[in-house]
PDB file of N, CA and C in Angstrom:
ATOM      1  N   UNK A   1      51.455 -24.991 -16.278  1.00  0.00           N
ATOM      2  CA  UNK A   1      50.977 -24.788 -14.919  1.00  0.00           C
ATOM      3  C   UNK A   1      50.568 -23.330 -14.701  1.00  0.00           C
ATOM      4  N   UNK A   2      51.443 -22.421 -15.172  1.00  0.00           N
ATOM      5  CA  UNK A   2      51.164 -21.005 -15.007  1.00  0.00           C
ATOM      6  C   UNK A   2      49.888 -20.621 -15.757  1.00  0.00           C
ATOM      7  N   UNK A   3      49.688 -21.210 -16.920  1.00  0.00           N
ATOM      8  CA  UNK A   3      48.507 -20.929 -17.728  1.00  0.00           C
ATOM      9  C   UNK A   3      47.246 -21.428 -17.024  1.00  0.00           C
ATOM     10  N   UNK A   4      47.309 -22.576 -16.386  1.00  0.00           N
ATOM     11  CA  UNK A   4      46.177 -23.138 -15.647  1.00  0.00           C
ATOM     12  C   UNK A   4      45.842 -22.267 -14.438  1.00  0.00           C
ATOM     13  N   UNK A   5      46.842 -21.798 -13.750  1.00  0.00           N
ATOM     14  CA  UNK A   5      46.633 -20.923 -12.591  1.00  0.00           C
ATOM     15  C   UNK A   5      45.992 -19.615 -13.021  1.00  0.00           C
ATOM     16  N   UNK A   6      46.461 -19.073 -14.164  1.00  0.00           N
ATOM     17  CA  UNK A   6      45.887 -17.819 -14.668  1.00  0.00           C
ATOM     18  C   UNK A   6      44.426 -18.024 -15.081  1.00  0.00           C
ATOM     19  N   UNK A   7      44.130 -19.143 -15.708  1.00  0.00           N
ATOM     20  CA  UNK A   7      42.751 -19.459 -16.101  1.00  0.00           C
ATOM     21  C   UNK A   7      41.865 -19.587 -14.867  1.00  0.00           C
ATOM     22  N   UNK A   8      42.380 -20.235 -13.827  1.00  0.00           N
ATOM     23  CA  UNK A   8      41.626 -20.396 -12.578  1.00  0.00           C
ATOM     24  C   UNK A   8      41.400 -19.043 -11.914  1.00  0.00           C
ATOM     25  N   UNK A   9      42.430 -18.166 -11.954  1.00  0.00           N
ATOM     26  CA  UNK A   9      42.289 -16.837 -11.358  1.00  0.00           C
ATOM     27  C   UNK A   9      41.237 -16.017 -12.105  1.00  0.00           C
ATOM     28  N   UNK A  10      41.256 -16.093 -13.413  1.00  0.00           N
ATOM     29  CA  UNK A  10      40.277 -15.357 -14.217  1.00  0.00           C
ATOM     30  C   UNK A  10      38.865 -15.879 -13.938  1.00  0.00           C
ATOM     31  N   UNK A  11      38.738 -17.201 -13.872  1.00  0.00           N
ATOM     32  CA  UNK A  11      37.427 -17.798 -13.584  1.00  0.00           C
ATOM     33  C   UNK A  11      36.939 -17.383 -12.204  1.00  0.00           C
ATOM     34  N   UNK A  12      37.852 -17.348 -11.244  1.00  0.00           N
ATOM     35  CA  UNK A  12      37.500 -16.934  -9.885  1.00  0.00           C
ATOM     36  C   UNK A  12      37.064 -15.474  -9.860  1.00  0.00           C
ATOM     37  N   UNK A  13      37.778 -14.631 -10.595  1.00  0.00           N
ATOM     38  CA  UNK A  13      37.429 -13.206 -10.660  1.00  0.00           C
ATOM     39  C   UNK A  13      36.063 -13.012 -11.335  1.00  0.00           C
ATOM     40  N   UNK A  14      35.809 -13.772 -12.380  1.00  0.00           N
ATOM     41  CA  UNK A  14      34.511 -13.697 -13.052  1.00  0.00           C
ATOM     42  C   UNK A  14      33.387 -14.155 -12.126  1.00  0.00           C
ATOM     43  N   UNK A  15      33.654 -15.213 -11.367  1.00  0.00           N
ATOM     44  CA  UNK A  15      32.650 -15.704 -10.410  1.00  0.00           C
ATOM     45  C   UNK A  15      32.397 -14.655  -9.329  1.00  0.00           C
ATOM     46  N   UNK A  16      33.451 -14.012  -8.862  1.00  0.00           N
ATOM     47  CA  UNK A  16      33.317 -12.962  -7.846  1.00  0.00           C
ATOM     48  C   UNK A  16      32.506 -11.789  -8.408  1.00  0.00           C
ATOM     49  N   UNK A  17      32.775 -11.415  -9.650  1.00  0.00           N
ATOM     50  CA  UNK A  17      32.030 -10.331 -10.295  1.00  0.00           C
ATOM     51  C   UNK A  17      30.563 -10.707 -10.449  1.00  0.00           C
ATOM     52  N   UNK A  18      30.307 -11.938 -10.849  1.00  0.00           N
ATOM     53  CA  UNK A  18      28.919 -12.400 -11.000  1.00  0.00           C
ATOM     54  C   UNK A  18      28.206 -12.411  -9.649  1.00  0.00           C
ATOM     55  N   UNK A  19      28.905 -12.842  -8.624  1.00  0.00           N
ATOM     56  CA  UNK A  19      28.305 -12.866  -7.285  1.00  0.00           C
ATOM     57  C   UNK A  19      27.996 -11.449  -6.806  1.00  0.00           C
ATOM     58  N   UNK A  20      28.873 -10.505  -7.075  1.00  0.00           N
ATOM     59  CA  UNK A  20      28.648  -9.115  -6.680  1.00  0.00           C
ATOM     60  C   UNK A  20      27.471  -8.518  -7.460  1.00  0.00           C
ATOM     61  N   UNK A  21      27.389  -8.854  -8.746  1.00  0.00           N
ATOM     62  CA  UNK A  21      26.255  -8.391  -9.556  1.00  0.00           C
ATOM     63  C   UNK A  21      24.950  -8.955  -9.006  1.00  0.00           C
ATOM     64  N   UNK A  22      24.962 -10.229  -8.659  1.00  0.00           N
ATOM     65  CA  UNK A  22      23.762 -10.860  -8.094  1.00  0.00           C
ATOM     66  C   UNK A  22      23.405 -10.226  -6.752  1.00  0.00           C
ATOM     67  N   UNK A  23      24.410  -9.938  -5.922  1.00  0.00           N
ATOM     68  CA  UNK A  23      24.147  -9.305  -4.628  1.00  0.00           C
ATOM     69  C   UNK A  23      23.547  -7.924  -4.820  1.00  0.00           C
ATOM     70  N   UNK A  24      24.081  -7.160  -5.767  1.00  0.00           N
ATOM     71  CA  UNK A  24      23.559  -5.825  -6.043  1.00  0.00           C
ATOM     72  C   UNK A  24      22.118  -5.905  -6.541  1.00  0.00           C
ATOM     73  N   UNK A  25      21.851  -6.831  -7.452  1.00  0.00           N
ATOM     74  CA  UNK A  25      20.489  -7.002  -7.968  1.00  0.00           C
ATOM     75  C   UNK A  25      19.536  -7.418  -6.853  1.00  0.00           C
ATOM     76  N   UNK A  26      19.999  -8.269  -5.984  1.00  0.00           N
ATOM     77  CA  UNK A  26      19.176  -8.710  -4.854  1.00  0.00           C
ATOM     78  C   UNK A  26      18.849  -7.547  -3.923  1.00  0.00           C
ATOM     79  N   UNK A  27      19.825  -6.706  -3.655  1.00  0.00           N
ATOM     80  CA  UNK A  27      19.609  -5.536  -2.795  1.00  0.00           C
ATOM     81  C   UNK A  27      18.637  -4.560  -3.445  1.00  0.00           C
ATOM     82  N   UNK A  28      18.796  -4.342  -4.757  1.00  0.00           N
ATOM     83  CA  UNK A  28      17.873  -3.453  -5.467  1.00  0.00           C
ATOM     84  C   UNK A  28      16.452  -4.010  -5.440  1.00  0.00           C
ATOM     85  N   UNK A  29      16.322  -5.314  -5.586  1.00  0.00           N
ATOM     86  CA  UNK A  29      14.998  -5.948  -5.525  1.00  0.00           C
ATOM     87  C   UNK A  29      14.400  -5.791  -4.127  1.00  0.00           C
ATOM     88  N   UNK A  30      15.240  -5.917  -3.099  1.00  0.00           N
ATOM     89  CA  UNK A  30      14.757  -5.755  -1.727  1.00  0.00           C
ATOM     90  C   UNK A  30      14.268  -4.333  -1.497  1.00  0.00           C
ATOM     91  N   UNK A  31      15.007  -3.358  -1.989  1.00  0.00           N
ATOM     92  CA  UNK A  31      14.613  -1.958  -1.834  1.00  0.00           C
ATOM     93  C   UNK A  31      13.300  -1.697  -2.577  1.00  0.00           C
ATOM     94  N   UNK A  32      13.186  -2.236  -3.792  1.00  0.00           N
ATOM     95  CA  UNK A  32      11.953  -2.052  -4.566  1.00  0.00           C
ATOM     96  C   UNK A  32      10.770  -2.714  -3.875  1.00  0.00           C
ATOM     97  N   UNK A  33      10.997  -3.891  -3.325  1.00  0.00           N
ATOM     98  CA  UNK A  33       9.932  -4.595  -2.605  1.00  0.00           C
ATOM     99  C   UNK A  33       9.508  -3.807  -1.374  1.00  0.00           C
ATOM    100  N   UNK A  34      10.468  -3.251  -0.679  1.00  0.00           N
ATOM    101  CA  UNK A  34      10.149  -2.452   0.507  1.00  0.00           C
ATOM    102  C   UNK A  34       9.351  -1.205   0.125  1.00  0.00           C
ATOM    103  N   UNK A  35       9.731  -0.564  -0.968  1.00  0.00           N
ATOM    104  CA  UNK A  35       8.991   0.616  -1.440  1.00  0.00           C
ATOM    105  C   UNK A  35       7.564   0.229  -1.837  1.00  0.00           C
ATOM    106  N   UNK A  36       7.429  -0.903  -2.498  1.00  0.00           N
ATOM    107  CA  UNK A  36       6.093  -1.372  -2.894  1.00  0.00           C
ATOM    108  C   UNK A  36       5.248  -1.682  -1.666  1.00  0.00           C
ATOM    109  N   UNK A  37       5.860  -2.281  -0.656  1.00  0.00           N
ATOM    110  CA  UNK A  37       5.129  -2.589   0.576  1.00  0.00           C
ATOM    111  C   UNK A  37       4.643  -1.308   1.239  1.00  0.00           C
ATOM    112  N   UNK A  38       5.498  -0.301   1.283  1.00  0.00           N
ATOM    113  CA  UNK A  38       5.084   0.979   1.864  1.00  0.00           C
ATOM    114  C   UNK A  38       3.938   1.605   1.065  1.00  0.00           C
ATOM    115  N   UNK A  39       4.012   1.486  -0.251  1.00  0.00           N
ATOM    116  CA  UNK A  39       2.938   2.027  -1.095  1.00  0.00           C
ATOM    117  C   UNK A  39       1.625   1.310  -0.823  1.00  0.00           C
ATOM    118  N   UNK A  40       1.684   0.003  -0.635  1.00  0.00           N
ATOM    119  CA  UNK A  40       0.466  -0.759  -0.343  1.00  0.00           C
ATOM    120  C   UNK A  40      -0.095  -0.352   1.015  1.00  0.00           C
ATOM    121  N   UNK A  41       0.763  -0.201   1.998  1.00  0.00           N
ATOM    122  CA  UNK A  41       0.309   0.212   3.335  1.00  0.00           C
ATOM    123  C   UNK A  41      -0.334   1.598   3.250  1.00  0.00           C
ATOM    124  N   UNK A  42       0.280   2.510   2.512  1.00  0.00           N
ATOM    125  CA  UNK A  42      -0.294   3.847   2.344  1.00  0.00           C
ATOM    126  C   UNK A  42      -1.654   3.783   1.652  1.00  0.00           C
ATOM    127  N   UNK A  43      -1.763   2.931   0.640  1.00  0.00           N
ATOM    128  CA  UNK A  43      -3.036   2.784  -0.082  1.00  0.00           C
ATOM    129  C   UNK A  43      -4.113   2.204   0.827  1.00  0.00           C
ATOM    130  N   UNK A  44      -3.749   1.244   1.647  1.00  0.00           N
ATOM    131  CA  UNK A  44      -4.724   0.659   2.585  1.00  0.00           C
ATOM    132  C   UNK A  44      -5.176   1.710   3.596  1.00  0.00           C
ATOM    133  N   UNK A  45      -4.229   2.496   4.084  1.00  0.00           N
ATOM    134  CA  UNK A  45      -4.601   3.563   5.036  1.00  0.00           C
ATOM    135  C   UNK A  45      -5.521   4.586   4.377  1.00  0.00           C
ATOM    136  N   UNK A  46      -5.217   4.960   3.133  1.00  0.00           N
ATOM    137  CA  UNK A  46      -6.058   5.921   2.416  1.00  0.00           C
ATOM    138  C   UNK A  46      -7.455   5.354   2.199  1.00  0.00           C
ATOM    139  N   UNK A  47      -7.528   4.073   1.873  1.00  0.00           N
ATOM    140  CA  UNK A  47      -8.828   3.432   1.689  1.00  0.00           C
ATOM    141  C   UNK A  47      -9.607   3.410   2.997  1.00  0.00           C
ATOM    142  N   UNK A  48      -8.940   3.090   4.081  1.00  0.00           N
ATOM    143  CA  UNK A  48      -9.601   3.083   5.390  1.00  0.00           C
ATOM    144  C   UNK A  48     -10.097   4.482   5.747  1.00  0.00           C
ATOM    145  N   UNK A  49      -9.285   5.493   5.474  1.00  0.00           N
ATOM    146  CA  UNK A  49      -9.709   6.872   5.740  1.00  0.00           C
ATOM    147  C   UNK A  49     -10.938   7.238   4.905  1.00  0.00           C
ATOM    148  N   UNK A  50     -10.920   6.842   3.629  1.00  0.00           N
ATOM    149  CA  UNK A  50     -12.058   7.143   2.759  1.00  0.00           C
ATOM    150  C   UNK A  50     -13.317   6.422   3.243  1.00  0.00           C
ATOM    151  N   UNK A  51     -13.162   5.185   3.666  1.00  0.00           N
ATOM    152  CA  UNK A  51     -14.315   4.437   4.179  1.00  0.00           C
ATOM    153  C   UNK A  51     -14.854   5.062   5.467  1.00  0.00           C
ATOM    154  N   UNK A  52     -13.962   5.511   6.319  1.00  0.00           N
ATOM    155  CA  UNK A  52     -14.404   6.178   7.554  1.00  0.00           C
ATOM    156  C   UNK A  52     -15.145   7.476   7.239  1.00  0.00           C
ATOM    157  N   UNK A  53     -14.644   8.218   6.266  1.00  0.00           N
ATOM    158  CA  UNK A  53     -15.326   9.451   5.867  1.00  0.00           C
ATOM    159  C   UNK A  53     -16.703   9.134   5.291  1.00  0.00           C
ATOM    160  N   UNK A  54     -16.786   8.098   4.464  1.00  0.00           N
ATOM    161  CA  UNK A  54     -18.082   7.697   3.905  1.00  0.00           C
ATOM    162  C   UNK A  54     -19.050   7.280   5.006  1.00  0.00           C
ATOM    163  N   UNK A  55     -18.550   6.548   5.966  1.00  0.00           N
ATOM    164  CA  UNK A  55     -19.401   6.129   7.081  1.00  0.00           C
ATOM    165  C   UNK A  55     -19.918   7.339   7.850  1.00  0.00           C
ATOM    166  N   UNK A  56     -19.048   8.311   8.085  1.00  0.00           N
ATOM    167  CA  UNK A  56     -19.472   9.519   8.792  1.00  0.00           C
ATOM    168  C   UNK A  56     -20.530  10.273   7.979  1.00  0.00           C
ATOM    169  N   UNK A  57     -20.340  10.341   6.669  1.00  0.00           N
ATOM    170  CA  UNK A  57     -21.337  10.998   5.818  1.00  0.00           C
ATOM    171  C   UNK A  57     -22.671  10.260   5.873  1.00  0.00           C
ATOM    172  N   UNK A  58     -22.603   8.946   5.874  1.00  0.00           N
ATOM    173  CA  UNK A  58     -23.838   8.154   5.965  1.00  0.00           C
ATOM    174  C   UNK A  58     -24.552   8.421   7.292  1.00  0.00           C
ATOM    175  N   UNK A  59     -23.787   8.574   8.354  1.00  0.00           N
ATOM    176  CA  UNK A  59     -24.393   8.878   9.658  1.00  0.00           C
ATOM    177  C   UNK A  59     -25.082  10.239   9.623  1.00  0.00           C
ATOM    178  N   UNK A  60     -24.432  11.217   9.007  1.00  0.00           N
ATOM    179  CA  UNK A  60     -25.020  12.560   8.902  1.00  0.00           C
ATOM    180  C   UNK A  60     -26.315  12.494   8.101  1.00  0.00           C
ATOM    181  N   UNK A  61     -26.282  11.773   6.974  1.00  0.00           N
ATOM    182  CA  UNK A  61     -27.485  11.652   6.146  1.00  0.00           C
ATOM    183  C   UNK A  61     -28.599  10.973   6.935  1.00  0.00           C
ATOM    184  N   UNK A  62     -28.271   9.937   7.663  1.00  0.00           N
ATOM    185  CA  UNK A  62     -29.297   9.250   8.462  1.00  0.00           C
ATOM    186  C   UNK A  62     -29.864  10.179   9.535  1.00  0.00           C
ATOM    187  N   UNK A  63     -29.024  10.986  10.166  1.00  0.00           N
ATOM    188  CA  UNK A  63     -29.511  11.962  11.144  1.00  0.00           C
ATOM    189  C   UNK A  63     -30.452  12.967  10.481  1.00  0.00           C
ATOM    190  N   UNK A  64     -30.093  13.418   9.289  1.00  0.00           N
ATOM    191  CA  UNK A  64     -30.965  14.354   8.571  1.00  0.00           C
ATOM    192  C   UNK A  64     -32.305  13.698   8.231  1.00  0.00           C
ATOM    193  N   UNK A  65     -32.266  12.463   7.792  1.00  0.00           N
ATOM    194  CA  UNK A  65     -33.517  11.760   7.485  1.00  0.00           C
ATOM    195  C   UNK A  65     -34.387  11.621   8.725  1.00  0.00           C
ATOM    196  N   UNK A  66     -33.747  11.281   9.837  1.00  0.00           N
ATOM    197  CA  UNK A  66     -34.480  11.138  11.086  1.00  0.00           C
ATOM    198  C   UNK A  66     -35.124  12.468  11.476  1.00  0.00           C
ATOM    199  N   UNK A  67     -34.360  13.541  11.338  1.00  0.00           N
ATOM    200  CA  UNK A  67     -34.891  14.868  11.669  1.00  0.00           C
ATOM    201  C   UNK A  67     -36.054  15.230  10.749  1.00  0.00           C
ATOM    202  N   UNK A  68     -35.896  14.960   9.463  1.00  0.00           N
ATOM    203  CA  UNK A  68     -36.984  15.251   8.523  1.00  0.00           C
ATOM    204  C   UNK A  68     -38.229  14.426   8.829  1.00  0.00           C
ATOM    205  N   UNK A  69     -38.059  13.171   9.210  1.00  0.00           N
ATOM    206  CA  UNK A  69     -39.220  12.349   9.594  1.00  0.00           C
ATOM    207  C   UNK A  69     -39.907  12.922  10.828  1.00  0.00           C
ATOM    208  N   UNK A  70     -39.086  13.369  11.775  1.00  0.00           N
ATOM    209  CA  UNK A  70     -39.671  13.957  12.988  1.00  0.00           C
ATOM    210  C   UNK A  70     -40.444  15.229  12.642  1.00  0.00           C
ATOM    211  N   UNK A  71     -39.869  16.056  11.769  1.00  0.00           N
ATOM    212  CA  UNK A  71     -40.569  17.281  11.353  1.00  0.00           C
ATOM    213  C   UNK A  71     -41.870  16.920  10.640  1.00  0.00           C
ATOM    214  N   UNK A  72     -41.802  15.948   9.761  1.00  0.00           N
ATOM    215  CA  UNK A  72     -43.001  15.512   9.040  1.00  0.00           C
ATOM    216  C   UNK A  72     -44.069  15.019  10.020  1.00  0.00           C
ATOM    217  N   UNK A  73     -43.635  14.224  10.993  1.00  0.00           N
ATOM    218  CA  UNK A  73     -44.607  13.704  11.975  1.00  0.00           C
ATOM    219  C   UNK A  73     -45.207  14.821  12.809  1.00  0.00           C
ATOM    220  N   UNK A  74     -44.428  15.812  13.180  1.00  0.00           N
ATOM    221  CA  UNK A  74     -44.952  16.941  13.943  1.00  0.00           C
ATOM    222  C   UNK A  74     -45.955  17.730  13.097  1.00  0.00           C
ATOM    223  N   UNK A  75     -45.637  17.939  11.838  1.00  0.00           N
ATOM    224  CA  UNK A  75     -46.538  18.650  10.931  1.00  0.00           C
ATOM    225  C   UNK A  75     -47.848  17.886  10.742  1.00  0.00           C
ATOM    226  N   UNK A  76     -47.794  16.556  10.693  1.00  0.00           N
ATOM    227  CA  UNK A  76     -49.006  15.764  10.582  1.00  0.00           C
ATOM    228  C   UNK A  76     -49.884  15.954  11.818  1.00  0.00           C
ATOM    229  N   UNK A  77     -49.230  15.980  12.973  1.00  0.00           N
ATOM    230  CA  UNK A  77     -49.988  16.140  14.218  1.00  0.00           C
ATOM    231  C   UNK A  77     -50.610  17.527  14.273  1.00  0.00           C
ATOM    232  N   UNK A  78     -49.879  18.551  13.815  1.00  0.00           N
ATOM    233  CA  UNK A  78     -50.402  19.913  13.821  1.00  0.00           C
ATOM    234  C   UNK A  78     -51.583  20.067  12.863  1.00  0.00           C
ATOM    235  N   UNK A  79     -51.561  19.298  11.784  1.00  0.00           N
ATOM    236  CA  UNK A  79     -52.641  19.400  10.788  1.00  0.00           C
ATOM    237  C   UNK A  79     -53.959  18.847  11.339  1.00  0.00           C
ATOM    238  N   UNK A  80     -53.870  17.877  12.218  1.00  0.00           N
ATOM    239  CA  UNK A  80     -55.085  17.238  12.746  1.00  0.00           C
ATOM    240  C   UNK A  80     -55.628  18.092  13.830  1.00  0.00           C
TER     241      UNK A  80
END
């Protein structure tokens, strides 16, 4: 009887240790997932910022083209 109780206690302790190991691994996975999520959010924000900067540059280039066309048209009128 004593031997059976000791075997049950050891099995229970091993199960408790396994459960604690699983809980620790689960927590570490949650932390890693949270860090990855933050990295993705940061990357999306950086991409959005880069796209906004590109859009602003495109607007500047279009303004320059418009100005150059206007200058060209004025020069054509002056030539006639």
